[in-house]
Amino acid sequence: MLDLTSKIVLITGLGQTTPPTQGFGIGSAIATKLALQGATIFGGNRSLSSAKITKAHIESQGGICDIVQTDVTSSESIKALVDACMERHGRIDILINNVGKSEPGDPGNMSEEVWDGQVELNLKSVYLTCHFVLPIMERQESGGCVVNVSSIAGTRYIGKPQVAYSATKAAIIQFTKATGVIYAEKHAAGTSKGLVRLNTVIPGLIYTPYTRELAKRYAPGGDEEAYMEGRNRQVPVGRMGDAWDVANAVVFLVSDEARYVTAQEIVVDGGITASTGRVG
């Protein structure tokens, strides 16, 4: 089960800011897990130095990973990434969109520049990769599948003023749902060769190296440990998840075992969105 041997994965945001011994980021864990299942990884990341950490880890496990410096807000840069993957492998079976960043603020105090930057990075990046990759997948006999990484911040208020992040993560969910239906209907009408599936993974509170950066921004009084403990208490199961919890959901969605799953979401949140309260 969950065999991805010979599958070609294009993934954005696979960089790892710290050594794996200090914990994995979501993108790095996804890329690593897909490689362990037999897939070949082709990654685009803003920072090549952080992507090299992931690449080295995958290769130390016997996997294959190529990386390209990529600005996911640039049409030219994304096209260059896709073209490079096609030149190297001739197809793209799986697309993972994992880029995202949270900036604090509500509409009254958030600058227009910050708002625009959040929309560009979190949402436009998903459109751009799909713009170039979906036509390729549609022409392939085997079709393809896309997984976009959202957040529970796109489904409910989680106690932090981050309105642009929440809005863009909510938009990703509906973008994926609508596009998933469109491409399912194309396949049913016989206008494409293989079925192209699109789904969303919605992580809850996940402990990653980036979580420490969030603590520096949002921790009341700068008490980062109290911030972490508070996040654990928010979760009905009593703790934050980790990047592997998200990666495991992605592996299922891109596998043949999920061939009848499209335009859907998997929420990986320890029960937060099914509970009441616990959002502060």
Protein backbone atom coordinates (compact mmCIF):
# COMPACT_ATOMS: atom_id res chain seq x y z
CA MET A 1 0.00 0.00 0.00
CA LEU A 2 0.92 3.65 -0.51
CA ASP A 3 3.59 2.71 -3.04
CA LEU A 4 4.81 5.77 -4.94
CA THR A 5 7.65 4.10 -6.81
CA SER A 6 8.55 6.01 -10.01
CA LYS A 7 6.16 8.89 -9.24
CA ILE A 8 7.54 12.38 -9.94
CA VAL A 9 6.73 14.94 -7.27
CA LEU A 10 6.96 18.70 -7.76
CA ILE A 11 6.86 20.41 -4.36
CA THR A 12 7.21 24.02 -3.25
CA GLY A 13 8.35 25.04 0.20
CA LEU A 14 10.44 21.99 1.10
CA GLY A 15 13.18 23.95 2.84
CA GLN A 16 14.39 23.09 6.32
CA THR A 17 15.67 26.00 8.41
CA THR A 18 17.30 23.82 11.08
CA PRO A 19 19.04 20.44 11.11
CA PRO A 20 16.54 17.54 11.10
CA THR A 21 17.72 16.64 14.61
CA GLN A 22 15.94 19.81 15.79
CA GLY A 23 12.64 18.86 14.20
CA PHE A 24 11.14 18.85 10.72
CA GLY A 25 9.16 21.50 8.92
CA ILE A 26 6.00 20.39 7.16
CA GLY A 27 7.40 20.74 3.63
CA SER A 28 10.58 18.89 4.48
CA ALA A 29 8.65 16.08 6.17
CA ILE A 30 6.29 15.76 3.20
CA ALA A 31 9.15 15.58 0.72
CA THR A 32 11.02 13.06 2.88
CA LYS A 33 7.98 10.85 3.42
CA LEU A 34 7.10 10.82 -0.28
CA ALA A 35 10.69 9.90 -1.11
CA LEU A 36 10.63 7.08 1.43
CA GLN A 37 7.56 5.74 -0.37
CA GLY A 38 9.57 5.61 -3.60
CA ALA A 39 8.80 8.96 -5.23
CA THR A 40 11.36 11.17 -6.94
CA ILE A 41 11.38 14.70 -5.55
CA PHE A 42 11.83 17.91 -7.55
CA GLY A 43 11.58 20.91 -5.25
CA GLY A 44 11.33 24.66 -5.57
CA ASN A 45 12.31 26.81 -2.62
CA ARG A 46 13.14 30.48 -2.03
CA SER A 47 16.29 29.59 -0.12
CA LEU A 48 18.60 27.04 -1.69
CA SER A 49 20.56 26.68 1.53
CA SER A 50 17.50 25.50 3.46
CA ALA A 51 16.40 23.26 0.57
CA LYS A 52 19.82 21.65 0.57
CA ILE A 53 19.21 20.42 4.13
CA THR A 54 16.12 18.55 2.97
CA LYS A 55 17.87 17.30 -0.15
CA ALA A 56 20.78 15.93 1.89
CA HIS A 57 18.44 14.18 4.32
CA ILE A 58 16.45 12.55 1.52
CA GLU A 59 19.60 11.41 -0.24
CA SER A 60 21.00 10.01 3.01
CA GLN A 61 17.92 7.77 3.10
CA GLY A 62 18.57 6.59 -0.45
CA GLY A 63 16.04 8.91 -2.10
CA ILE A 64 16.29 11.25 -5.09
CA CYS A 65 15.82 14.99 -4.71
CA ASP A 66 16.64 17.88 -7.03
CA ILE A 67 16.11 21.50 -6.00
CA VAL A 68 15.73 24.80 -7.83
CA GLN A 69 15.70 28.28 -6.34
CA THR A 70 12.17 29.52 -6.87
CA ASP A 71 10.11 32.63 -6.18
CA VAL A 72 6.60 31.22 -5.89
CA THR A 73 5.04 34.65 -6.38
CA SER A 74 6.64 34.99 -9.82
CA SER A 75 5.05 33.51 -12.92
CA GLU A 76 8.43 33.39 -14.66
CA SER A 77 10.07 31.61 -11.74
CA ILE A 78 7.31 29.02 -11.41
CA LYS A 79 7.34 28.35 -15.15
CA ALA A 80 11.10 27.85 -14.98
CA LEU A 81 10.64 25.37 -12.12
CA VAL A 82 8.00 23.39 -14.01
CA ASP A 83 10.03 23.46 -17.22
CA ALA A 84 13.11 22.21 -15.37
CA CYS A 85 11.16 19.32 -13.87
CA MET A 86 9.70 18.39 -17.24
CA GLU A 87 13.11 18.57 -18.90
CA ARG A 88 14.56 16.29 -16.25
CA HIS A 89 11.71 13.78 -15.87
CA GLY A 90 9.22 14.32 -18.71
CA ARG A 91 6.16 14.34 -16.47
CA ILE A 92 4.71 15.52 -13.16
CA ASP A 93 2.58 13.02 -11.27
CA ILE A 94 2.16 14.86 -7.98
CA LEU A 95 2.12 18.56 -7.09
CA ILE A 96 2.43 19.70 -3.48
CA ASN A 97 1.88 23.36 -2.59
CA ASN A 98 3.27 23.98 0.87
CA VAL A 99 4.40 27.62 0.88
CA GLY A 100 2.84 29.86 3.49
CA LYS A 101 3.55 32.52 6.07
CA SER A 102 1.54 34.22 8.79
CA GLU A 103 1.75 37.94 9.49
CA PRO A 104 -0.12 39.48 12.43
CA GLY A 105 -2.77 42.13 12.00
CA ASP A 106 -6.43 42.93 11.43
CA PRO A 107 -7.83 45.08 8.61
CA GLY A 108 -7.58 48.20 10.74
CA ASN A 109 -3.86 47.99 11.44
CA MET A 110 -2.46 45.76 8.71
CA SER A 111 -0.74 47.70 5.95
CA GLU A 112 -1.79 47.21 2.35
CA GLU A 113 1.72 46.01 1.57
CA VAL A 114 1.50 43.22 4.16
CA TRP A 115 -1.96 42.21 2.93
CA ASP A 116 -0.78 42.06 -0.69
CA GLY A 117 2.30 40.10 0.31
CA GLN A 118 0.22 37.52 2.14
CA VAL A 119 -2.11 37.09 -0.83
CA GLU A 120 0.83 36.77 -3.22
CA LEU A 121 2.73 34.22 -1.13
CA ASN A 122 -0.06 32.12 0.33
CA LEU A 123 -2.65 32.14 -2.44
CA LYS A 124 -1.25 33.33 -5.75
CA SER A 125 1.53 30.75 -5.46
CA VAL A 126 -1.08 27.97 -5.51
CA TYR A 127 -2.74 29.44 -8.59
CA LEU A 128 0.59 29.80 -10.40
CA THR A 129 1.76 26.22 -9.89
CA CYS A 130 -1.66 24.88 -10.87
CA HIS A 131 -1.73 27.19 -13.90
CA PHE A 132 1.39 25.55 -15.29
CA VAL A 133 1.05 22.00 -13.94
CA LEU A 134 -2.62 21.11 -14.42
CA PRO A 135 -2.46 21.19 -18.25
CA ILE A 136 0.51 18.82 -18.09
CA MET A 137 -1.32 16.40 -15.81
CA GLU A 138 -4.42 16.57 -17.96
CA ARG A 139 -2.44 15.39 -20.99
CA GLN A 140 -0.89 12.45 -19.15
CA GLU A 141 -2.41 8.98 -19.47
CA SER A 142 -2.02 8.59 -15.72
CA GLY A 143 -3.42 12.03 -14.87
CA GLY A 144 -2.06 13.39 -11.63
CA CYS A 145 -2.87 14.67 -8.20
CA VAL A 146 -2.44 17.93 -6.33
CA VAL A 147 -2.36 18.48 -2.59
CA ASN A 148 -2.53 22.01 -1.25
CA VAL A 149 -1.60 22.68 2.36
CA SER A 150 -4.02 25.03 4.13
CA SER A 151 -4.59 25.62 7.86
CA ILE A 152 -7.39 25.44 10.42
CA ALA A 153 -6.96 29.22 10.53
CA GLY A 154 -8.86 29.11 7.24
CA THR A 155 -11.83 27.42 8.91
CA ARG A 156 -12.14 29.19 12.28
CA TYR A 157 -10.58 31.89 14.43
CA ILE A 158 -7.76 30.35 16.45
CA GLY A 159 -7.01 33.18 18.83
CA LYS A 160 -4.50 35.17 16.81
CA PRO A 161 -5.12 38.35 14.76
CA GLN A 162 -3.84 37.15 11.38
CA VAL A 163 -6.67 38.09 9.07
CA ALA A 164 -4.73 37.89 5.80
CA TYR A 165 -3.36 34.46 6.62
CA SER A 166 -6.84 33.23 7.61
CA ALA A 167 -8.41 34.64 4.47
CA THR A 168 -5.83 33.16 2.11
CA LYS A 169 -5.91 29.75 3.78
CA ALA A 170 -9.70 29.72 3.50
CA ALA A 171 -9.39 30.65 -0.16
CA ILE A 172 -7.02 27.73 -0.78
CA ILE A 173 -9.65 25.31 0.49
CA GLN A 174 -12.31 26.60 -1.89
CA PHE A 175 -9.85 26.98 -4.78
CA THR A 176 -8.99 23.30 -4.39
CA LYS A 177 -12.58 22.15 -4.00
CA ALA A 178 -13.83 24.03 -7.06
CA THR A 179 -10.87 23.03 -9.22
CA GLY A 180 -11.18 19.43 -8.12
CA VAL A 181 -14.77 19.32 -9.32
CA ILE A 182 -13.89 21.02 -12.61
CA TYR A 183 -11.20 18.47 -13.42
CA ALA A 184 -13.31 15.53 -12.30
CA GLU A 185 -16.05 16.64 -14.70
CA LYS A 186 -13.50 17.08 -17.48
CA HIS A 187 -12.40 13.50 -16.97
CA ALA A 188 -15.98 12.23 -16.88
CA ALA A 189 -16.70 14.01 -20.15
CA GLY A 190 -13.78 12.25 -21.77
CA THR A 191 -11.94 15.45 -22.58
CA SER A 192 -8.79 14.43 -20.70
CA LYS A 193 -6.69 11.28 -20.61
CA GLY A 194 -6.22 10.71 -16.92
CA LEU A 195 -8.11 11.89 -13.87
CA VAL A 196 -6.53 14.88 -12.14
CA ARG A 197 -7.40 14.93 -8.45
CA LEU A 198 -7.05 17.93 -6.12
CA ASN A 199 -7.35 17.79 -2.34
CA THR A 200 -6.40 19.87 0.67
CA VAL A 201 -4.64 18.97 3.89
CA ILE A 202 -5.60 21.25 6.76
CA PRO A 203 -3.10 21.12 9.62
CA GLY A 204 -4.01 22.31 13.08
CA LEU A 205 -1.45 23.34 15.66
CA ILE A 206 1.74 21.63 14.50
CA TYR A 207 5.08 21.85 16.25
CA THR A 208 7.84 22.70 13.77
CA PRO A 209 10.92 24.94 13.83
CA TYR A 210 8.65 27.65 12.42
CA THR A 211 6.48 27.40 15.53
CA ARG A 212 9.33 28.97 17.46
CA GLU A 213 9.26 31.91 15.07
CA LEU A 214 5.54 32.29 15.68
CA ALA A 215 6.18 32.31 19.42
CA LYS A 216 8.54 35.25 18.98
CA ARG A 217 5.77 37.16 17.20
CA TYR A 218 2.74 36.24 19.27
CA ALA A 219 3.90 35.14 22.76
CA PRO A 220 2.41 37.50 25.38
CA GLY A 221 5.22 39.17 27.25
CA GLY A 222 7.74 37.25 25.15
CA ASP A 223 7.18 34.07 27.19
CA GLU A 224 7.77 31.51 24.44
CA GLU A 225 7.50 28.44 26.69
CA ALA A 226 4.14 29.56 28.01
CA TYR A 227 3.06 30.10 24.42
CA MET A 228 3.99 26.52 23.55
CA GLU A 229 2.23 25.13 26.60
CA GLY A 230 -0.86 27.13 25.71
CA ARG A 231 -0.88 25.65 22.22
CA ASN A 232 -0.73 22.16 23.67
CA ARG A 233 -3.65 22.90 25.98
CA GLN A 234 -5.76 24.09 23.06
CA VAL A 235 -5.71 20.63 21.47
CA PRO A 236 -8.27 18.08 22.72
CA VAL A 237 -5.69 15.27 22.50
CA GLY A 238 -3.42 17.36 24.73
CA ARG A 239 -0.55 18.19 22.42
CA MET A 240 0.39 19.75 19.14
CA GLY A 241 0.96 17.45 16.18
CA ASP A 242 4.20 17.25 14.27
CA ALA A 243 5.14 17.53 10.63
CA TRP A 244 4.95 13.76 10.11
CA ASP A 245 1.26 13.79 11.01
CA VAL A 246 0.68 16.13 8.07
CA ALA A 247 3.03 14.22 5.78
CA ASN A 248 1.20 10.95 6.41
CA ALA A 249 -2.09 12.51 5.32
CA VAL A 250 -0.46 13.80 2.15
CA VAL A 251 0.96 10.37 1.32
CA PHE A 252 -2.52 8.86 1.50
CA LEU A 253 -4.07 11.53 -0.72
CA VAL A 254 -1.50 11.14 -3.50
CA SER A 255 -1.56 7.35 -3.40
CA ASP A 256 -3.60 4.99 -5.59
CA GLU A 257 -5.54 4.02 -2.47
CA ALA A 258 -7.11 7.51 -2.62
CA ARG A 259 -8.00 7.28 -6.32
CA TYR A 260 -11.70 8.01 -5.58
CA VAL A 261 -10.96 11.01 -3.34
CA THR A 262 -11.03 14.45 -4.94
CA ALA A 263 -12.19 17.98 -4.04
CA GLN A 264 -11.96 17.04 -0.36
CA GLU A 265 -10.09 18.03 2.79
CA ILE A 266 -8.33 16.04 5.47
CA VAL A 267 -8.11 17.92 8.75
CA VAL A 268 -5.09 17.00 10.86
CA ASP A 269 -5.73 18.89 14.08
CA GLY A 270 -6.08 16.62 17.10
CA GLY A 271 -9.77 17.49 17.32
CA ILE A 272 -9.65 21.29 17.60
CA THR A 273 -12.15 22.08 14.86
CA ALA A 274 -14.57 19.48 16.22
CA SER A 275 -14.52 21.02 19.72
CA THR A 276 -15.91 24.16 21.31
CA GLY A 277 -13.79 26.81 22.96
CA ARG A 278 -10.07 26.28 23.47
CA VAL A 279 -9.15 28.92 20.93
CA GLY A 280 -7.41 31.43 23.18
